[in-house]
Amino acid sequence: MAWKYGFKIGDTVVIAKGYKAGMVGRIIASRRKLFSTIIIIKTTQNERIVTYSKFVIKMPAEESLEWAVAINTN
């Protein structure tokens, strides 16, 4: 369902609001609630975070590629 709001499974996103703000991860699942969409993100530190889609910003393709390279080299 997240594709309806501009996201799809596998997109690289940044959490913009909340106590985990600034973390980078990939969308692995989404669920539709009453008036919002909840997405599940697997972060770069192998952690799963459940948040609302309105608290997430999609990364541009070039930046997400840079993050993937940085994660794989460290």
N, C-alpha and C. Protein backbone atom coordinates (compact mmCIF):
# COMPACT_ATOMS: atom_id res chain seq x y z
N MET A 1 0.80 -1.21 0.00
CA MET A 1 0.00 0.00 0.00
C MET A 1 0.84 1.26 0.00
N ALA A 2 2.09 1.18 0.40
CA ALA A 2 2.92 2.39 0.48
C ALA A 2 3.13 3.00 -0.90
N TRP A 3 3.03 2.20 -1.96
CA TRP A 3 3.21 2.74 -3.31
C TRP A 3 2.19 3.83 -3.61
N LYS A 4 1.05 3.77 -2.96
CA LYS A 4 0.00 4.77 -3.15
C LYS A 4 0.47 6.15 -2.70
N TYR A 5 1.42 6.20 -1.78
CA TYR A 5 1.89 7.45 -1.20
C TYR A 5 3.29 7.80 -1.68
N GLY A 6 3.74 7.21 -2.79
CA GLY A 6 5.03 7.56 -3.35
C GLY A 6 6.16 6.65 -2.94
N PHE A 7 5.91 5.66 -2.11
CA PHE A 7 6.93 4.73 -1.68
C PHE A 7 6.63 3.35 -2.25
N LYS A 8 7.67 2.54 -2.39
CA LYS A 8 7.46 1.14 -2.74
C LYS A 8 8.48 0.31 -1.97
N ILE A 9 8.23 -0.97 -1.90
CA ILE A 9 9.10 -1.87 -1.17
C ILE A 9 10.50 -1.81 -1.79
N GLY A 10 11.52 -1.66 -0.96
CA GLY A 10 12.89 -1.60 -1.43
C GLY A 10 13.45 -0.20 -1.56
N ASP A 11 12.60 0.83 -1.42
CA ASP A 11 13.08 2.21 -1.49
C ASP A 11 13.97 2.53 -0.29
N THR A 12 15.00 3.33 -0.53
CA THR A 12 15.86 3.81 0.55
C THR A 12 15.25 5.10 1.08
N VAL A 13 15.05 5.16 2.39
CA VAL A 13 14.40 6.31 3.01
C VAL A 13 15.17 6.77 4.24
N VAL A 14 14.89 8.00 4.66
CA VAL A 14 15.44 8.56 5.89
C VAL A 14 14.27 8.86 6.81
N ILE A 15 14.40 8.48 8.08
CA ILE A 15 13.37 8.80 9.06
C ILE A 15 13.55 10.26 9.45
N ALA A 16 12.49 11.06 9.31
CA ALA A 16 12.60 12.50 9.51
C ALA A 16 12.09 12.98 10.86
N LYS A 17 11.31 12.17 11.55
CA LYS A 17 10.71 12.63 12.79
C LYS A 17 10.67 11.49 13.79
N GLY A 18 10.83 11.81 15.06
CA GLY A 18 10.78 10.81 16.11
C GLY A 18 12.15 10.59 16.73
N TYR A 19 12.23 9.64 17.65
CA TYR A 19 13.48 9.42 18.36
C TYR A 19 14.53 8.72 17.50
N LYS A 20 14.15 8.15 16.38
CA LYS A 20 15.09 7.51 15.45
C LYS A 20 15.36 8.39 14.24
N ALA A 21 15.11 9.68 14.34
CA ALA A 21 15.28 10.61 13.22
C ALA A 21 16.72 10.58 12.72
N GLY A 22 16.88 10.58 11.41
CA GLY A 22 18.20 10.58 10.80
C GLY A 22 18.69 9.21 10.38
N MET A 23 18.00 8.15 10.80
CA MET A 23 18.43 6.81 10.43
C MET A 23 18.03 6.50 8.99
N VAL A 24 18.89 5.78 8.30
CA VAL A 24 18.66 5.41 6.91
C VAL A 24 18.30 3.93 6.86
N GLY A 25 17.37 3.58 5.99
CA GLY A 25 16.99 2.19 5.85
C GLY A 25 16.18 1.94 4.59
N ARG A 26 15.78 0.69 4.42
CA ARG A 26 14.97 0.30 3.26
C ARG A 26 13.60 -0.16 3.75
N ILE A 27 12.58 0.15 2.95
CA ILE A 27 11.22 -0.27 3.28
C ILE A 27 11.10 -1.76 2.98
N ILE A 28 10.65 -2.52 3.98
CA ILE A 28 10.49 -3.96 3.77
C ILE A 28 9.02 -4.39 3.79
N ALA A 29 8.13 -3.55 4.33
CA ALA A 29 6.70 -3.89 4.35
C ALA A 29 5.89 -2.64 4.65
N SER A 30 4.60 -2.71 4.36
CA SER A 30 3.70 -1.61 4.70
C SER A 30 2.33 -2.17 5.07
N ARG A 31 1.66 -1.45 5.94
CA ARG A 31 0.33 -1.84 6.38
C ARG A 31 -0.55 -0.61 6.37
N ARG A 32 -1.79 -0.76 5.98
CA ARG A 32 -2.75 0.34 5.95
C ARG A 32 -3.52 0.35 7.26
N LYS A 33 -3.54 1.50 7.93
CA LYS A 33 -4.34 1.68 9.13
C LYS A 33 -5.54 2.56 8.77
N LEU A 34 -6.27 2.99 9.75
CA LEU A 34 -7.51 3.71 9.50
C LEU A 34 -7.32 4.95 8.62
N PHE A 35 -6.48 5.89 9.02
CA PHE A 35 -6.27 7.10 8.24
C PHE A 35 -4.83 7.31 7.82
N SER A 36 -3.99 6.31 7.98
CA SER A 36 -2.58 6.48 7.63
C SER A 36 -1.98 5.14 7.21
N THR A 37 -0.76 5.20 6.74
CA THR A 37 -0.04 4.01 6.34
C THR A 37 1.15 3.82 7.27
N ILE A 38 1.30 2.63 7.80
CA ILE A 38 2.44 2.29 8.65
C ILE A 38 3.43 1.52 7.79
N ILE A 39 4.69 1.91 7.84
CA ILE A 39 5.71 1.20 7.08
C ILE A 39 6.75 0.62 8.02
N ILE A 40 7.32 -0.50 7.61
CA ILE A 40 8.36 -1.16 8.39
C ILE A 40 9.66 -0.98 7.64
N ILE A 41 10.66 -0.46 8.33
CA ILE A 41 11.95 -0.13 7.72
C ILE A 41 13.03 -0.97 8.38
N LYS A 42 13.90 -1.55 7.56
CA LYS A 42 15.08 -2.24 8.07
C LYS A 42 16.25 -1.28 7.91
N THR A 43 16.86 -0.88 9.01
CA THR A 43 17.90 0.14 8.99
C THR A 43 19.25 -0.46 8.65
N THR A 44 20.22 0.43 8.50
CA THR A 44 21.58 0.01 8.18
C THR A 44 22.22 -0.75 9.33
N GLN A 45 21.66 -0.63 10.54
CA GLN A 45 22.20 -1.34 11.70
C GLN A 45 21.41 -2.61 12.00
N ASN A 46 20.74 -3.14 10.98
CA ASN A 46 19.98 -4.39 11.08
C ASN A 46 18.87 -4.32 12.12
N GLU A 47 18.24 -3.19 12.22
CA GLU A 47 17.18 -2.96 13.18
C GLU A 47 15.89 -2.71 12.41
N ARG A 48 14.77 -3.18 12.94
CA ARG A 48 13.49 -2.95 12.28
C ARG A 48 12.73 -1.85 13.02
N ILE A 49 12.26 -0.87 12.27
CA ILE A 49 11.54 0.25 12.86
C ILE A 49 10.17 0.34 12.20
N VAL A 50 9.15 0.51 13.02
CA VAL A 50 7.79 0.69 12.52
C VAL A 50 7.43 2.16 12.70
N THR A 51 7.04 2.84 11.63
CA THR A 51 6.72 4.27 11.69
C THR A 51 5.64 4.61 10.68
N TYR A 52 5.12 5.80 10.78
CA TYR A 52 4.12 6.28 9.83
C TYR A 52 4.80 6.79 8.57
N SER A 53 4.13 6.67 7.44
CA SER A 53 4.72 7.10 6.17
C SER A 53 4.93 8.61 6.12
N LYS A 54 4.18 9.37 6.91
CA LYS A 54 4.35 10.83 6.89
C LYS A 54 5.61 11.27 7.63
N PHE A 55 6.28 10.37 8.36
CA PHE A 55 7.51 10.69 9.08
C PHE A 55 8.76 10.27 8.31
N VAL A 56 8.60 9.93 7.04
CA VAL A 56 9.71 9.37 6.26
C VAL A 56 9.93 10.21 5.01
N ILE A 57 11.20 10.39 4.63
CA ILE A 57 11.56 11.11 3.40
C ILE A 57 12.28 10.13 2.49
N LYS A 58 11.88 10.10 1.23
CA LYS A 58 12.52 9.22 0.24
C LYS A 58 13.83 9.85 -0.22
N MET A 59 14.87 9.04 -0.30
CA MET A 59 16.17 9.54 -0.75
C MET A 59 16.24 9.50 -2.27
N PRO A 60 16.92 10.49 -2.88
CA PRO A 60 17.15 10.43 -4.33
C PRO A 60 18.00 9.22 -4.70
N ALA A 61 17.92 8.79 -5.93
CA ALA A 61 18.61 7.57 -6.37
C ALA A 61 20.12 7.67 -6.20
N GLU A 62 20.72 8.83 -6.51
CA GLU A 62 22.18 8.95 -6.41
C GLU A 62 22.63 8.83 -4.96
N GLU A 63 21.91 9.47 -4.05
CA GLU A 63 22.29 9.42 -2.64
C GLU A 63 22.13 8.02 -2.09
N SER A 64 21.05 7.33 -2.45
CA SER A 64 20.85 5.99 -1.92
C SER A 64 21.93 5.04 -2.43
N LEU A 65 22.43 5.26 -3.65
CA LEU A 65 23.52 4.45 -4.17
C LEU A 65 24.79 4.71 -3.37
N GLU A 66 25.06 5.98 -3.03
CA GLU A 66 26.22 6.33 -2.22
C GLU A 66 26.14 5.67 -0.85
N TRP A 67 24.95 5.66 -0.24
CA TRP A 67 24.78 5.01 1.05
C TRP A 67 25.04 3.51 0.95
N ALA A 68 24.55 2.89 -0.10
CA ALA A 68 24.75 1.45 -0.28
C ALA A 68 26.24 1.13 -0.40
N VAL A 69 26.97 1.95 -1.15
CA VAL A 69 28.42 1.74 -1.30
C VAL A 69 29.12 1.94 0.03
N ALA A 70 28.74 2.99 0.77
CA ALA A 70 29.37 3.27 2.07
C ALA A 70 29.10 2.15 3.07
N ILE A 71 27.90 1.61 3.05
CA ILE A 71 27.56 0.54 3.99
C ILE A 71 28.35 -0.72 3.66
N ASN A 72 28.49 -1.04 2.39
CA ASN A 72 29.18 -2.27 1.99
C ASN A 72 30.68 -2.19 2.18
N THR A 73 31.27 -0.98 2.18
CA THR A 73 32.72 -0.87 2.33
C THR A 73 33.15 -0.82 3.79
N ASN A 74 32.24 -0.48 4.69
CA ASN A 74 32.61 -0.39 6.12
C ASN A 74 32.41 -1.70 6.83
